[in-house]
Amino acid sequence: MKVRVKLYGTFGRRLPNYRASKGVGVEIPQGASVRDLLTLLEIHESQGGVVIMDGRILKRDDPIPSGGEVQIFQAVRGG
């Protein structure tokens, strides 16, 4: 199934010619979880990716519905 992914922070630099305004279409298996998507995009848990869909922060085990748009933000750290 296909989902649209918008990457924020430095995550967008991973993909050549990536434009945040358009995002990128990603093919994932039916029933794939947030963890599956992050693994596919090579975003490791230690990098602090926060995944949002329809204004809701998703947990790693949440399934991603087909045709949805997912936003992945880079968590801000420091002080």
Protein backbone atom coordinates (compact mmCIF):
# COMPACT_ATOMS: atom_id res chain seq x y z
CA MET A 1 0.00 0.00 0.00
CA LYS A 2 1.11 3.54 -0.56
CA VAL A 3 1.40 6.36 1.98
CA ARG A 4 2.63 9.92 1.60
CA VAL A 5 5.45 10.84 3.99
CA LYS A 6 6.60 14.34 4.85
CA LEU A 7 9.96 14.56 6.61
CA TYR A 8 11.06 17.43 8.85
CA GLY A 9 14.35 18.41 10.44
CA THR A 10 17.34 16.70 8.89
CA PHE A 11 15.35 13.60 7.88
CA GLY A 12 14.55 15.11 4.47
CA ARG A 13 18.25 15.30 3.61
CA ARG A 14 18.34 11.51 3.29
CA LEU A 15 16.43 11.57 0.02
CA PRO A 16 17.86 13.24 -3.08
CA ASN A 17 15.68 16.03 -4.47
CA TYR A 18 13.29 15.77 -1.52
CA ARG A 19 10.82 18.66 -1.20
CA ALA A 20 8.97 18.98 2.10
CA SER A 21 6.02 20.69 0.43
CA LYS A 22 5.30 17.54 -1.59
CA GLY A 23 6.71 14.77 0.58
CA VAL A 24 7.39 11.38 -0.91
CA GLY A 25 5.26 8.35 -1.73
CA VAL A 26 6.36 5.21 0.10
CA GLU A 27 5.21 1.67 -0.57
CA ILE A 28 4.71 -0.37 2.61
CA PRO A 29 3.06 -3.77 3.22
CA GLN A 30 -0.62 -3.87 4.19
CA GLY A 31 -0.89 -3.63 7.99
CA ALA A 32 2.59 -2.12 8.39
CA SER A 33 3.27 -0.35 11.66
CA VAL A 34 5.02 2.93 12.39
CA ARG A 35 8.08 0.88 13.37
CA ASP A 36 8.04 -0.81 9.94
CA LEU A 37 7.89 2.57 8.16
CA LEU A 38 10.74 4.02 10.22
CA THR A 39 12.85 0.93 9.54
CA LEU A 40 12.19 1.26 5.82
CA LEU A 41 13.26 4.92 5.92
CA GLU A 42 16.30 4.01 8.04
CA ILE A 43 15.23 6.27 10.90
CA HIS A 44 16.45 4.63 14.08
CA GLU A 45 14.66 5.03 17.40
CA SER A 46 17.72 6.78 18.82
CA GLN A 47 17.21 9.56 16.26
CA GLY A 48 13.97 10.57 17.92
CA GLY A 49 11.52 10.42 15.02
CA VAL A 50 8.04 11.58 16.08
CA VAL A 51 5.35 10.28 13.73
CA ILE A 52 2.09 12.20 13.37
CA MET A 53 -1.00 11.35 11.36
CA ASP A 54 -4.24 13.34 11.35
CA GLY A 55 -2.95 15.50 14.24
CA ARG A 56 -2.24 12.49 16.46
CA ILE A 57 1.16 11.25 17.63
CA LEU A 58 1.46 7.58 16.73
CA LYS A 59 3.16 4.92 18.81
CA ARG A 60 5.71 2.56 17.27
CA ASP A 61 3.24 -0.35 17.12
CA ASP A 62 0.33 1.62 15.62
CA PRO A 63 -0.73 0.47 12.14
CA ILE A 64 -0.64 2.94 9.25
CA PRO A 65 -3.82 3.07 7.18
CA SER A 66 -3.59 2.91 3.40
CA GLY A 67 -3.52 6.21 1.55
CA GLY A 68 -2.75 8.25 4.63
CA GLU A 69 -0.29 11.09 5.01
CA VAL A 70 2.33 10.72 7.70
CA GLN A 71 4.55 13.47 9.03
CA ILE A 72 7.85 12.54 10.66
CA PHE A 73 9.44 15.20 12.85
CA GLN A 74 12.88 15.13 14.33
CA ALA A 75 12.64 15.46 18.10
CA VAL A 76 14.41 18.51 19.50
CA ARG A 77 16.95 17.86 22.22
CA GLY A 78 19.34 19.88 24.25
CA GLY A 79 19.04 22.72 26.61
